[in-house]
Amino acid sequence: MADLAQVQFHGRIRVGLSEDFAQVPILRALQAFGADRPGLQVEVQVGIPGALLSKLKEGNIELVLGSQCEGEEMGRLLWREPLVWAWADHASVDLPDPLPLAVLPEPCPYREVALERLAKVGISQRTVMICTSNASLRAAAISGFAVAPMIVSQLRNGLVRVPASYGLPELPEAEFRLFAASRGDTSVFEELAEAIMNAVPRRHAGEE
């Protein structure tokens, strides 16, 4: 009885979520996971994937759910989604020159690949807005203030994909992955990872 009653989990697990994952189902799964284990505290940080992965490497976070573009194939793949140039559906027929760009702060995989692809084809750009959230990024594009690199599922309510005929370079797919630290009680990380994956909305759950 003493063995069965013993609390197996102690301490805390710090989870880093990109904004794409800061959703009610996932947060409920995290809350339930901690509630079932009285000795465990689950803490969440929401941020840019690159910054969260740096914290993972430094030992300041144990799990990260985020995206990458053309990066090393690390972590567990959840789904892939096209990255596109987003703009207002009411914007001018012609793209401004230089291209007004709205991006998230460094280190953002969408920002990095967008600037790299534009430079390769010789398209001049001017970063007119540094956004701190997906909401402000969408506002920049919906208003017609700027073009923004964005995953295709965010193209709604006034946003459209810039047609290929406009000459902007094609962007790669964004890969949404779950990254776990190799230190600590990896069995706990694995259990929490499974709980998170079960909470990912079915429309996003992908296959390898």
N, C-alpha and C. Protein backbone atom coordinates (compact mmCIF):
# COMPACT_ATOMS: atom_id res chain seq x y z
N MET A 1 0.84 -1.20 0.00
CA MET A 1 0.00 0.00 0.00
C MET A 1 0.87 1.25 0.00
N ALA A 2 1.95 1.20 0.77
CA ALA A 2 2.85 2.35 0.81
C ALA A 2 3.46 2.61 -0.56
N ASP A 3 3.83 1.53 -1.25
CA ASP A 3 4.41 1.68 -2.58
C ASP A 3 3.40 2.26 -3.57
N LEU A 4 2.14 1.79 -3.49
CA LEU A 4 1.12 2.26 -4.40
C LEU A 4 0.76 3.71 -4.14
N ALA A 5 0.82 4.13 -2.89
CA ALA A 5 0.43 5.50 -2.53
C ALA A 5 1.55 6.51 -2.76
N GLN A 6 2.75 6.01 -3.03
CA GLN A 6 3.88 6.92 -3.18
C GLN A 6 3.72 7.80 -4.41
N VAL A 7 3.97 9.10 -4.25
CA VAL A 7 3.91 10.03 -5.38
C VAL A 7 5.14 9.84 -6.24
N GLN A 8 4.94 9.58 -7.52
CA GLN A 8 6.05 9.26 -8.40
C GLN A 8 6.68 10.50 -9.02
N PHE A 9 5.95 11.60 -9.09
CA PHE A 9 6.43 12.77 -9.81
C PHE A 9 6.62 13.92 -8.83
N HIS A 10 7.80 14.52 -8.86
CA HIS A 10 8.09 15.66 -8.01
C HIS A 10 8.78 16.74 -8.85
N GLY A 11 8.62 17.97 -8.43
CA GLY A 11 9.28 19.06 -9.14
C GLY A 11 8.38 19.70 -10.17
N ARG A 12 8.98 20.21 -11.25
CA ARG A 12 8.21 20.93 -12.25
C ARG A 12 8.69 20.59 -13.66
N ILE A 13 7.80 20.74 -14.60
CA ILE A 13 8.12 20.64 -16.01
C ILE A 13 7.73 21.95 -16.66
N ARG A 14 8.69 22.55 -17.33
CA ARG A 14 8.45 23.82 -18.01
C ARG A 14 8.25 23.56 -19.49
N VAL A 15 7.11 24.00 -20.00
CA VAL A 15 6.71 23.74 -21.38
C VAL A 15 6.72 25.05 -22.16
N GLY A 16 7.41 25.06 -23.28
CA GLY A 16 7.41 26.22 -24.16
C GLY A 16 6.46 26.00 -25.33
N LEU A 17 5.54 26.94 -25.53
CA LEU A 17 4.56 26.84 -26.62
C LEU A 17 4.72 28.02 -27.57
N SER A 18 4.80 27.72 -28.86
CA SER A 18 4.64 28.81 -29.81
C SER A 18 3.16 29.20 -29.81
N GLU A 19 2.86 30.36 -30.35
CA GLU A 19 1.47 30.83 -30.31
C GLU A 19 0.51 29.89 -31.02
N ASP A 20 1.00 29.16 -31.99
CA ASP A 20 0.15 28.21 -32.70
C ASP A 20 -0.39 27.14 -31.76
N PHE A 21 0.31 26.90 -30.64
CA PHE A 21 -0.09 25.86 -29.71
C PHE A 21 -0.72 26.41 -28.43
N ALA A 22 -0.78 27.70 -28.28
CA ALA A 22 -1.38 28.28 -27.07
C ALA A 22 -2.91 28.24 -27.22
N GLN A 23 -3.45 27.03 -27.19
CA GLN A 23 -4.87 26.79 -27.43
C GLN A 23 -5.49 26.12 -26.21
N VAL A 24 -6.79 26.31 -26.07
CA VAL A 24 -7.51 25.78 -24.91
C VAL A 24 -7.35 24.26 -24.76
N PRO A 25 -7.50 23.44 -25.81
CA PRO A 25 -7.36 21.99 -25.61
C PRO A 25 -6.00 21.58 -25.07
N ILE A 26 -4.95 22.22 -25.56
CA ILE A 26 -3.61 21.86 -25.10
C ILE A 26 -3.40 22.33 -23.66
N LEU A 27 -3.85 23.52 -23.34
CA LEU A 27 -3.70 24.01 -21.96
C LEU A 27 -4.52 23.17 -20.99
N ARG A 28 -5.68 22.72 -21.42
CA ARG A 28 -6.46 21.82 -20.56
C ARG A 28 -5.73 20.51 -20.33
N ALA A 29 -5.08 20.00 -21.36
CA ALA A 29 -4.32 18.75 -21.22
C ALA A 29 -3.16 18.94 -20.24
N LEU A 30 -2.50 20.07 -20.30
CA LEU A 30 -1.41 20.36 -19.37
C LEU A 30 -1.93 20.47 -17.94
N GLN A 31 -3.08 21.13 -17.78
CA GLN A 31 -3.66 21.29 -16.44
C GLN A 31 -4.04 19.93 -15.87
N ALA A 32 -4.65 19.09 -16.69
CA ALA A 32 -5.09 17.77 -16.23
C ALA A 32 -3.89 16.89 -15.88
N PHE A 33 -2.83 16.99 -16.67
CA PHE A 33 -1.63 16.19 -16.41
C PHE A 33 -1.05 16.53 -15.05
N GLY A 34 -0.96 17.83 -14.74
CA GLY A 34 -0.44 18.24 -13.44
C GLY A 34 -1.38 17.89 -12.30
N ALA A 35 -2.70 18.00 -12.53
CA ALA A 35 -3.67 17.69 -11.48
C ALA A 35 -3.64 16.22 -11.09
N ASP A 36 -3.32 15.34 -12.04
CA ASP A 36 -3.26 13.91 -11.77
C ASP A 36 -1.98 13.51 -11.03
N ARG A 37 -1.04 14.43 -10.91
CA ARG A 37 0.25 14.14 -10.28
C ARG A 37 0.55 15.24 -9.28
N PRO A 38 0.10 15.08 -8.04
CA PRO A 38 0.22 16.15 -7.04
C PRO A 38 1.64 16.65 -6.79
N GLY A 39 2.62 15.82 -7.07
CA GLY A 39 4.00 16.25 -6.84
C GLY A 39 4.61 17.00 -8.01
N LEU A 40 3.84 17.21 -9.07
CA LEU A 40 4.38 17.81 -10.29
C LEU A 40 3.72 19.15 -10.57
N GLN A 41 4.54 20.13 -10.94
CA GLN A 41 4.04 21.44 -11.36
C GLN A 41 4.35 21.62 -12.83
N VAL A 42 3.34 22.01 -13.61
CA VAL A 42 3.52 22.27 -15.03
C VAL A 42 3.44 23.77 -15.26
N GLU A 43 4.49 24.33 -15.83
CA GLU A 43 4.55 25.76 -16.12
C GLU A 43 4.69 25.97 -17.62
N VAL A 44 4.12 27.05 -18.14
CA VAL A 44 4.09 27.29 -19.58
C VAL A 44 4.70 28.66 -19.90
N GLN A 45 5.50 28.68 -20.96
CA GLN A 45 5.99 29.93 -21.53
C GLN A 45 5.57 29.98 -22.99
N VAL A 46 5.00 31.09 -23.42
CA VAL A 46 4.61 31.26 -24.82
C VAL A 46 5.60 32.21 -25.47
N GLY A 47 6.12 31.80 -26.62
CA GLY A 47 7.12 32.64 -27.27
C GLY A 47 7.41 32.20 -28.68
N ILE A 48 8.50 32.73 -29.23
CA ILE A 48 8.94 32.42 -30.58
C ILE A 48 9.72 31.11 -30.54
N PRO A 49 9.47 30.20 -31.50
CA PRO A 49 10.11 28.89 -31.46
C PRO A 49 11.62 28.93 -31.28
N GLY A 50 12.31 29.81 -32.01
CA GLY A 50 13.77 29.87 -31.91
C GLY A 50 14.23 30.19 -30.51
N ALA A 51 13.56 31.15 -29.86
CA ALA A 51 13.93 31.52 -28.50
C ALA A 51 13.62 30.39 -27.52
N LEU A 52 12.50 29.71 -27.74
CA LEU A 52 12.13 28.60 -26.86
C LEU A 52 13.12 27.44 -26.99
N LEU A 53 13.56 27.15 -28.20
CA LEU A 53 14.53 26.07 -28.40
C LEU A 53 15.87 26.41 -27.77
N SER A 54 16.24 27.68 -27.78
CA SER A 54 17.47 28.10 -27.10
C SER A 54 17.36 27.84 -25.60
N LYS A 55 16.19 28.12 -25.03
CA LYS A 55 15.97 27.85 -23.61
C LYS A 55 16.01 26.36 -23.32
N LEU A 56 15.52 25.55 -24.27
CA LEU A 56 15.58 24.10 -24.11
C LEU A 56 17.03 23.63 -24.04
N LYS A 57 17.86 24.14 -24.93
CA LYS A 57 19.27 23.77 -24.94
C LYS A 57 19.99 24.23 -23.67
N GLU A 58 19.57 25.37 -23.13
CA GLU A 58 20.20 25.92 -21.94
C GLU A 58 19.71 25.26 -20.65
N GLY A 59 18.70 24.41 -20.76
CA GLY A 59 18.17 23.74 -19.58
C GLY A 59 17.10 24.51 -18.84
N ASN A 60 16.53 25.52 -19.49
CA ASN A 60 15.51 26.35 -18.83
C ASN A 60 14.09 25.93 -19.18
N ILE A 61 13.94 24.96 -20.09
CA ILE A 61 12.64 24.42 -20.49
C ILE A 61 12.85 22.93 -20.76
N GLU A 62 11.81 22.15 -20.48
CA GLU A 62 11.92 20.70 -20.70
C GLU A 62 11.24 20.22 -21.98
N LEU A 63 10.18 20.90 -22.40
CA LEU A 63 9.45 20.53 -23.62
C LEU A 63 9.15 21.79 -24.43
N VAL A 64 9.21 21.68 -25.75
CA VAL A 64 8.87 22.80 -26.62
C VAL A 64 7.98 22.30 -27.75
N LEU A 65 6.89 23.01 -27.99
CA LEU A 65 6.05 22.77 -29.16
C LEU A 65 6.18 23.99 -30.04
N GLY A 66 6.76 23.80 -31.22
CA GLY A 66 6.97 24.93 -32.10
C GLY A 66 7.21 24.49 -33.52
N SER A 67 7.53 25.45 -34.37
CA SER A 67 7.71 25.18 -35.79
C SER A 67 9.13 25.50 -36.22
N GLN A 68 9.50 24.93 -37.36
CA GLN A 68 10.78 25.24 -37.97
C GLN A 68 10.63 25.13 -39.49
N CYS A 69 11.55 25.75 -40.20
CA CYS A 69 11.57 25.68 -41.66
C CYS A 69 12.97 25.27 -42.09
N GLU A 70 13.05 24.18 -42.81
CA GLU A 70 14.32 23.71 -43.35
C GLU A 70 15.38 23.54 -42.26
N GLY A 71 14.95 23.18 -41.07
CA GLY A 71 15.90 22.97 -39.99
C GLY A 71 16.28 21.50 -39.89
N GLU A 72 17.11 21.20 -38.89
CA GLU A 72 17.46 19.81 -38.65
C GLU A 72 16.21 19.05 -38.23
N GLU A 73 16.10 17.80 -38.67
CA GLU A 73 14.92 17.01 -38.35
C GLU A 73 15.02 16.47 -36.94
N MET A 74 14.79 17.35 -35.99
CA MET A 74 14.81 16.99 -34.59
C MET A 74 13.38 16.97 -34.07
N GLY A 75 13.19 16.33 -32.93
CA GLY A 75 11.87 16.31 -32.33
C GLY A 75 10.91 15.41 -33.07
N ARG A 76 9.68 15.40 -32.60
CA ARG A 76 8.63 14.55 -33.16
C ARG A 76 7.73 15.38 -34.05
N LEU A 77 7.61 14.97 -35.31
CA LEU A 77 6.79 15.71 -36.26
C LEU A 77 5.32 15.56 -35.93
N LEU A 78 4.62 16.70 -35.83
CA LEU A 78 3.17 16.69 -35.61
C LEU A 78 2.42 16.90 -36.92
N TRP A 79 2.79 17.93 -37.67
CA TRP A 79 2.21 18.13 -38.99
C TRP A 79 3.07 19.13 -39.78
N ARG A 80 2.85 19.14 -41.07
CA ARG A 80 3.48 20.11 -41.96
C ARG A 80 2.40 21.00 -42.57
N GLU A 81 2.80 22.23 -42.88
CA GLU A 81 1.83 23.16 -43.46
C GLU A 81 2.57 24.16 -44.35
N PRO A 82 2.01 24.48 -45.51
CA PRO A 82 2.67 25.44 -46.40
C PRO A 82 2.82 26.81 -45.75
N LEU A 83 3.97 27.41 -45.96
CA LEU A 83 4.21 28.80 -45.56
C LEU A 83 4.02 29.66 -46.81
N VAL A 84 3.24 30.73 -46.68
CA VAL A 84 2.89 31.55 -47.86
C VAL A 84 3.07 33.02 -47.54
N TRP A 85 3.02 33.82 -48.59
CA TRP A 85 3.02 35.28 -48.44
C TRP A 85 1.57 35.73 -48.28
N ALA A 86 1.24 36.33 -47.17
CA ALA A 86 -0.13 36.76 -46.89
C ALA A 86 -0.28 38.26 -47.08
N TRP A 87 -1.43 38.64 -47.63
CA TRP A 87 -1.71 40.05 -47.90
C TRP A 87 -3.21 40.27 -47.81
N ALA A 88 -3.62 41.52 -47.74
CA ALA A 88 -5.05 41.84 -47.64
C ALA A 88 -5.77 41.52 -48.94
N ASP A 89 -6.99 41.01 -48.82
CA ASP A 89 -7.75 40.69 -50.02
C ASP A 89 -8.26 41.93 -50.74
N HIS A 90 -8.13 43.10 -50.11
CA HIS A 90 -8.58 44.34 -50.74
C HIS A 90 -7.41 45.20 -51.18
N ALA A 91 -6.18 44.68 -51.10
CA ALA A 91 -5.00 45.48 -51.37
C ALA A 91 -4.86 45.81 -52.85
N SER A 92 -3.91 46.68 -53.13
CA SER A 92 -3.65 47.12 -54.49
C SER A 92 -3.29 45.94 -55.39
N VAL A 93 -3.52 46.13 -56.69
CA VAL A 93 -3.21 45.09 -57.66
C VAL A 93 -1.70 44.86 -57.73
N ASP A 94 -0.92 45.89 -57.55
CA ASP A 94 0.53 45.80 -57.66
C ASP A 94 1.18 45.79 -56.28
N LEU A 95 2.21 44.97 -56.13
CA LEU A 95 2.97 44.96 -54.89
C LEU A 95 3.88 46.18 -54.83
N PRO A 96 3.97 46.84 -53.68
CA PRO A 96 4.87 47.99 -53.56
C PRO A 96 6.33 47.57 -53.73
N ASP A 97 7.16 48.52 -54.12
CA ASP A 97 8.60 48.29 -54.27
C ASP A 97 9.34 49.44 -53.56
N PRO A 98 10.14 49.11 -52.54
CA PRO A 98 10.46 47.78 -52.02
C PRO A 98 9.26 47.14 -51.29
N LEU A 99 9.34 45.83 -51.15
CA LEU A 99 8.23 45.08 -50.55
C LEU A 99 8.12 45.39 -49.07
N PRO A 100 6.96 45.93 -48.60
CA PRO A 100 6.80 46.18 -47.16
C PRO A 100 6.54 44.85 -46.44
N LEU A 101 7.35 44.57 -45.43
CA LEU A 101 7.30 43.27 -44.79
C LEU A 101 6.99 43.41 -43.31
N ALA A 102 6.11 42.53 -42.82
CA ALA A 102 5.83 42.42 -41.39
C ALA A 102 6.32 41.05 -40.93
N VAL A 103 7.09 41.02 -39.86
CA VAL A 103 7.68 39.77 -39.38
C VAL A 103 7.68 39.76 -37.86
N LEU A 104 7.87 38.57 -37.31
CA LEU A 104 8.07 38.42 -35.88
C LEU A 104 9.53 38.68 -35.55
N PRO A 105 9.87 38.95 -34.29
CA PRO A 105 11.27 39.23 -33.94
C PRO A 105 12.16 38.00 -34.14
N GLU A 106 13.44 38.24 -34.20
CA GLU A 106 14.41 37.14 -34.23
C GLU A 106 14.41 36.43 -32.87
N PRO A 107 14.70 35.14 -32.84
CA PRO A 107 14.94 34.23 -33.96
C PRO A 107 13.64 33.55 -34.38
N CYS A 108 13.06 33.98 -35.49
CA CYS A 108 11.81 33.41 -36.00
C CYS A 108 12.10 32.66 -37.30
N PRO A 109 11.73 31.39 -37.40
CA PRO A 109 12.02 30.64 -38.63
C PRO A 109 11.33 31.20 -39.86
N TYR A 110 10.13 31.76 -39.70
CA TYR A 110 9.42 32.32 -40.85
C TYR A 110 10.15 33.58 -41.34
N ARG A 111 10.58 34.39 -40.40
CA ARG A 111 11.31 35.61 -40.75
C ARG A 111 12.60 35.28 -41.50
N GLU A 112 13.35 34.34 -40.95
CA GLU A 112 14.64 34.00 -41.53
C GLU A 112 14.51 33.49 -42.96
N VAL A 113 13.56 32.57 -43.17
CA VAL A 113 13.44 31.99 -44.51
C VAL A 113 12.86 33.00 -45.49
N ALA A 114 11.99 33.88 -45.04
CA ALA A 114 11.41 34.90 -45.93
C ALA A 114 12.49 35.86 -46.41
N LEU A 115 13.32 36.35 -45.51
CA LEU A 115 14.38 37.28 -45.88
C LEU A 115 15.41 36.60 -46.79
N GLU A 116 15.71 35.34 -46.49
CA GLU A 116 16.67 34.60 -47.30
C GLU A 116 16.18 34.40 -48.73
N ARG A 117 14.91 34.00 -48.87
CA ARG A 117 14.36 33.75 -50.20
C ARG A 117 14.25 35.04 -51.01
N LEU A 118 13.87 36.13 -50.38
CA LEU A 118 13.79 37.41 -51.09
C LEU A 118 15.17 37.85 -51.57
N ALA A 119 16.18 37.68 -50.71
CA ALA A 119 17.53 38.08 -51.08
C ALA A 119 18.06 37.25 -52.25
N LYS A 120 17.72 35.97 -52.27
CA LYS A 120 18.22 35.08 -53.33
C LYS A 120 17.71 35.47 -54.70
N VAL A 121 16.47 35.97 -54.77
CA VAL A 121 15.91 36.35 -56.07
C VAL A 121 16.06 37.84 -56.35
N GLY A 122 16.70 38.56 -55.44
CA GLY A 122 16.98 39.97 -55.67
C GLY A 122 15.81 40.90 -55.50
N ILE A 123 14.81 40.51 -54.70
CA ILE A 123 13.66 41.38 -54.43
C ILE A 123 13.97 42.22 -53.20
N SER A 124 13.93 43.53 -53.37
CA SER A 124 14.21 44.41 -52.24
C SER A 124 13.01 44.45 -51.30
N GLN A 125 13.30 44.53 -50.01
CA GLN A 125 12.24 44.57 -49.01
C GLN A 125 12.57 45.62 -47.96
N ARG A 126 11.54 46.05 -47.29
CA ARG A 126 11.70 46.98 -46.18
C ARG A 126 10.84 46.48 -45.03
N THR A 127 11.48 46.14 -43.93
CA THR A 127 10.74 45.65 -42.78
C THR A 127 10.04 46.84 -42.12
N VAL A 128 8.73 46.90 -42.29
CA VAL A 128 7.98 48.07 -41.82
C VAL A 128 7.30 47.81 -40.49
N MET A 129 7.28 46.54 -40.04
CA MET A 129 6.62 46.25 -38.77
C MET A 129 7.22 45.00 -38.14
N ILE A 130 7.68 45.13 -36.90
CA ILE A 130 8.12 43.99 -36.10
C ILE A 130 6.98 43.66 -35.15
N CYS A 131 6.44 42.47 -35.28
CA CYS A 131 5.25 42.09 -34.52
C CYS A 131 5.63 41.21 -33.33
N THR A 132 4.90 41.32 -32.27
CA THR A 132 5.16 40.52 -31.07
C THR A 132 4.18 39.37 -30.91
N SER A 133 3.24 39.24 -31.84
CA SER A 133 2.24 38.18 -31.74
C SER A 133 1.68 37.88 -33.11
N ASN A 134 1.03 36.73 -33.24
CA ASN A 134 0.35 36.42 -34.50
C ASN A 134 -0.79 37.38 -34.77
N ALA A 135 -1.41 37.88 -33.70
CA ALA A 135 -2.52 38.83 -33.87
C ALA A 135 -2.04 40.11 -34.55
N SER A 136 -0.91 40.65 -34.13
CA SER A 136 -0.40 41.88 -34.74
C SER A 136 0.13 41.61 -36.15
N LEU A 137 0.66 40.40 -36.38
CA LEU A 137 1.12 40.03 -37.71
C LEU A 137 -0.06 39.98 -38.68
N ARG A 138 -1.17 39.39 -38.23
CA ARG A 138 -2.37 39.33 -39.04
C ARG A 138 -2.92 40.73 -39.30
N ALA A 139 -2.88 41.58 -38.30
CA ALA A 139 -3.38 42.95 -38.46
C ALA A 139 -2.58 43.71 -39.52
N ALA A 140 -1.26 43.50 -39.51
CA ALA A 140 -0.42 44.18 -40.49
C ALA A 140 -0.78 43.75 -41.91
N ALA A 141 -1.05 42.46 -42.09
CA ALA A 141 -1.38 41.96 -43.42
C ALA A 141 -2.80 42.30 -43.83
N ILE A 142 -3.76 42.14 -42.92
CA ILE A 142 -5.17 42.41 -43.23
C ILE A 142 -5.39 43.88 -43.61
N SER A 143 -4.67 44.77 -42.95
CA SER A 143 -4.82 46.20 -43.23
C SER A 143 -4.21 46.61 -44.55
N GLY A 144 -3.36 45.74 -45.12
CA GLY A 144 -2.65 46.10 -46.33
C GLY A 144 -1.38 46.88 -46.05
N PHE A 145 -1.04 47.02 -44.76
CA PHE A 145 0.17 47.76 -44.37
C PHE A 145 1.43 47.02 -44.80
N ALA A 146 1.36 45.69 -44.81
CA ALA A 146 2.55 44.91 -45.13
C ALA A 146 2.16 43.52 -45.61
N VAL A 147 3.11 42.88 -46.27
CA VAL A 147 3.01 41.46 -46.62
C VAL A 147 3.70 40.69 -45.51
N ALA A 148 3.17 39.50 -45.17
CA ALA A 148 3.72 38.74 -44.06
C ALA A 148 3.86 37.27 -44.41
N PRO A 149 4.97 36.62 -44.04
CA PRO A 149 5.06 35.17 -44.18
C PRO A 149 4.19 34.51 -43.12
N MET A 150 3.31 33.61 -43.55
CA MET A 150 2.30 33.08 -42.63
C MET A 150 1.90 31.68 -43.09
N ILE A 151 1.55 30.81 -42.14
CA ILE A 151 1.08 29.48 -42.52
C ILE A 151 -0.30 29.59 -43.15
N VAL A 152 -0.58 28.67 -44.06
CA VAL A 152 -1.76 28.80 -44.90
C VAL A 152 -3.06 28.73 -44.10
N SER A 153 -3.07 28.02 -42.98
CA SER A 153 -4.30 27.91 -42.19
C SER A 153 -4.72 29.23 -41.57
N GLN A 154 -3.83 30.22 -41.55
CA GLN A 154 -4.17 31.53 -41.00
C GLN A 154 -4.80 32.46 -42.03
N LEU A 155 -4.92 31.99 -43.27
CA LEU A 155 -5.49 32.82 -44.32
C LEU A 155 -7.01 32.80 -44.23
N ARG A 156 -7.55 33.68 -43.45
CA ARG A 156 -8.99 33.80 -43.28
C ARG A 156 -9.32 35.22 -42.86
N ASN A 157 -10.59 35.56 -42.95
CA ASN A 157 -11.07 36.87 -42.50
C ASN A 157 -10.28 38.03 -43.09
N GLY A 158 -10.20 38.06 -44.41
CA GLY A 158 -9.57 39.20 -45.06
C GLY A 158 -8.16 38.98 -45.55
N LEU A 159 -7.61 37.79 -45.37
CA LEU A 159 -6.26 37.50 -45.83
C LEU A 159 -6.29 36.56 -47.03
N VAL A 160 -5.39 36.80 -47.96
CA VAL A 160 -5.25 35.92 -49.13
C VAL A 160 -3.77 35.64 -49.36
N ARG A 161 -3.54 34.58 -50.11
CA ARG A 161 -2.18 34.23 -50.52
C ARG A 161 -1.79 35.07 -51.74
N VAL A 162 -0.61 35.68 -51.69
CA VAL A 162 -0.13 36.43 -52.85
C VAL A 162 0.09 35.44 -53.99
N PRO A 163 -0.55 35.64 -55.15
CA PRO A 163 -0.41 34.69 -56.26
C PRO A 163 1.03 34.58 -56.75
N ALA A 164 1.36 33.41 -57.27
CA ALA A 164 2.71 33.18 -57.79
C ALA A 164 3.06 34.14 -58.92
N SER A 165 2.03 34.63 -59.64
CA SER A 165 2.26 35.53 -60.77
C SER A 165 2.89 36.85 -60.34
N TYR A 166 2.85 37.16 -59.05
CA TYR A 166 3.44 38.40 -58.55
C TYR A 166 4.96 38.30 -58.43
N GLY A 167 5.49 37.09 -58.58
CA GLY A 167 6.94 36.94 -58.62
C GLY A 167 7.64 36.76 -57.30
N LEU A 168 6.91 36.66 -56.21
CA LEU A 168 7.58 36.41 -54.93
C LEU A 168 8.07 34.96 -54.87
N PRO A 169 9.20 34.72 -54.24
CA PRO A 169 9.75 33.37 -54.20
C PRO A 169 8.87 32.43 -53.38
N GLU A 170 8.86 31.17 -53.79
CA GLU A 170 8.09 30.18 -53.04
C GLU A 170 8.74 29.93 -51.69
N LEU A 171 7.92 29.79 -50.67
CA LEU A 171 8.41 29.52 -49.32
C LEU A 171 8.27 28.03 -49.00
N PRO A 172 9.12 27.51 -48.12
CA PRO A 172 9.05 26.09 -47.79
C PRO A 172 7.90 25.79 -46.83
N GLU A 173 7.68 24.53 -46.57
CA GLU A 173 6.68 24.14 -45.58
C GLU A 173 7.20 24.43 -44.18
N ALA A 174 6.28 24.76 -43.30
CA ALA A 174 6.61 24.85 -41.88
C ALA A 174 6.33 23.49 -41.25
N GLU A 175 7.26 23.04 -40.44
CA GLU A 175 7.11 21.77 -39.74
C GLU A 175 6.83 22.04 -38.27
N PHE A 176 5.75 21.52 -37.77
CA PHE A 176 5.39 21.69 -36.37
C PHE A 176 5.83 20.44 -35.61
N ARG A 177 6.69 20.66 -34.62
CA ARG A 177 7.33 19.55 -33.94
C ARG A 177 7.28 19.71 -32.42
N LEU A 178 7.44 18.57 -31.77
CA LEU A 178 7.52 18.52 -30.31
C LEU A 178 8.95 18.15 -29.94
N PHE A 179 9.60 19.02 -29.20
CA PHE A 179 10.99 18.82 -28.79
C PHE A 179 11.04 18.57 -27.29
N ALA A 180 11.86 17.60 -26.87
CA ALA A 180 11.98 17.26 -25.46
C ALA A 180 13.44 17.27 -25.05
N ALA A 181 13.69 17.66 -23.81
CA ALA A 181 15.05 17.64 -23.27
C ALA A 181 15.50 16.20 -23.07
N SER A 182 16.79 15.97 -23.22
CA SER A 182 17.35 14.62 -23.04
C SER A 182 17.75 14.36 -21.59
N ARG A 183 17.69 15.39 -20.77
CA ARG A 183 18.07 15.24 -19.37
C ARG A 183 16.80 15.02 -18.53
N GLY A 184 16.98 14.66 -17.27
CA GLY A 184 15.85 14.52 -16.36
C GLY A 184 15.10 13.23 -16.56
N ASP A 185 13.90 13.18 -16.03
CA ASP A 185 13.06 11.99 -16.10
C ASP A 185 12.36 11.96 -17.46
N THR A 186 13.00 11.33 -18.43
CA THR A 186 12.44 11.32 -19.78
C THR A 186 11.13 10.57 -19.88
N SER A 187 10.87 9.65 -18.93
CA SER A 187 9.59 8.93 -18.96
C SER A 187 8.43 9.89 -18.69
N VAL A 188 8.66 10.87 -17.81
CA VAL A 188 7.63 11.88 -17.53
C VAL A 188 7.42 12.74 -18.78
N PHE A 189 8.52 13.12 -19.44
CA PHE A 189 8.41 13.93 -20.64
C PHE A 189 7.60 13.20 -21.71
N GLU A 190 7.85 11.89 -21.83
CA GLU A 190 7.17 11.09 -22.83
C GLU A 190 5.67 11.03 -22.54
N GLU A 191 5.31 10.86 -21.29
CA GLU A 191 3.89 10.81 -20.92
C GLU A 191 3.21 12.14 -21.21
N LEU A 192 3.90 13.23 -20.87
CA LEU A 192 3.32 14.54 -21.12
C LEU A 192 3.24 14.81 -22.62
N ALA A 193 4.25 14.37 -23.36
CA ALA A 193 4.24 14.53 -24.81
C ALA A 193 3.03 13.83 -25.42
N GLU A 194 2.73 12.63 -24.95
CA GLU A 194 1.57 11.90 -25.47
C GLU A 194 0.28 12.63 -25.14
N ALA A 195 0.19 13.18 -23.92
CA ALA A 195 -1.01 13.93 -23.54
C ALA A 195 -1.19 15.15 -24.42
N ILE A 196 -0.08 15.82 -24.74
CA ILE A 196 -0.15 17.00 -25.60
C ILE A 196 -0.57 16.63 -27.01
N MET A 197 0.03 15.56 -27.53
CA MET A 197 -0.28 15.14 -28.90
C MET A 197 -1.75 14.75 -29.04
N ASN A 198 -2.30 14.14 -28.00
CA ASN A 198 -3.72 13.77 -28.02
C ASN A 198 -4.62 14.99 -27.99
N ALA A 199 -4.07 16.11 -27.50
CA ALA A 199 -4.87 17.34 -27.40
C ALA A 199 -4.75 18.21 -28.65
N VAL A 200 -3.79 17.92 -29.52
CA VAL A 200 -3.65 18.72 -30.74
C VAL A 200 -4.91 18.57 -31.58
N PRO A 201 -5.54 19.67 -32.00
CA PRO A 201 -6.77 19.58 -32.79
C PRO A 201 -6.61 18.64 -33.98
N ARG A 202 -7.63 17.86 -34.23
CA ARG A 202 -7.52 16.82 -35.27
C ARG A 202 -7.24 17.41 -36.65
N ARG A 203 -7.67 18.64 -36.90
CA ARG A 203 -7.42 19.21 -38.22
C ARG A 203 -5.95 19.47 -38.46
N HIS A 204 -5.16 19.48 -37.34
CA HIS A 204 -3.73 19.72 -37.47
C HIS A 204 -2.92 18.45 -37.33
N ALA A 205 -3.48 17.42 -36.73
CA ALA A 205 -2.68 16.23 -36.45
C ALA A 205 -2.20 15.62 -37.76
N GLY A 206 -0.89 15.52 -37.93
CA GLY A 206 -0.33 15.06 -39.19
C GLY A 206 0.31 13.72 -39.09
N GLU A 207 0.61 13.16 -40.23
CA GLU A 207 1.29 11.88 -40.32
C GLU A 207 2.69 12.11 -40.88
N GLU A 208 3.62 11.26 -40.48
CA GLU A 208 4.98 11.34 -41.03
C GLU A 208 4.93 11.06 -42.53
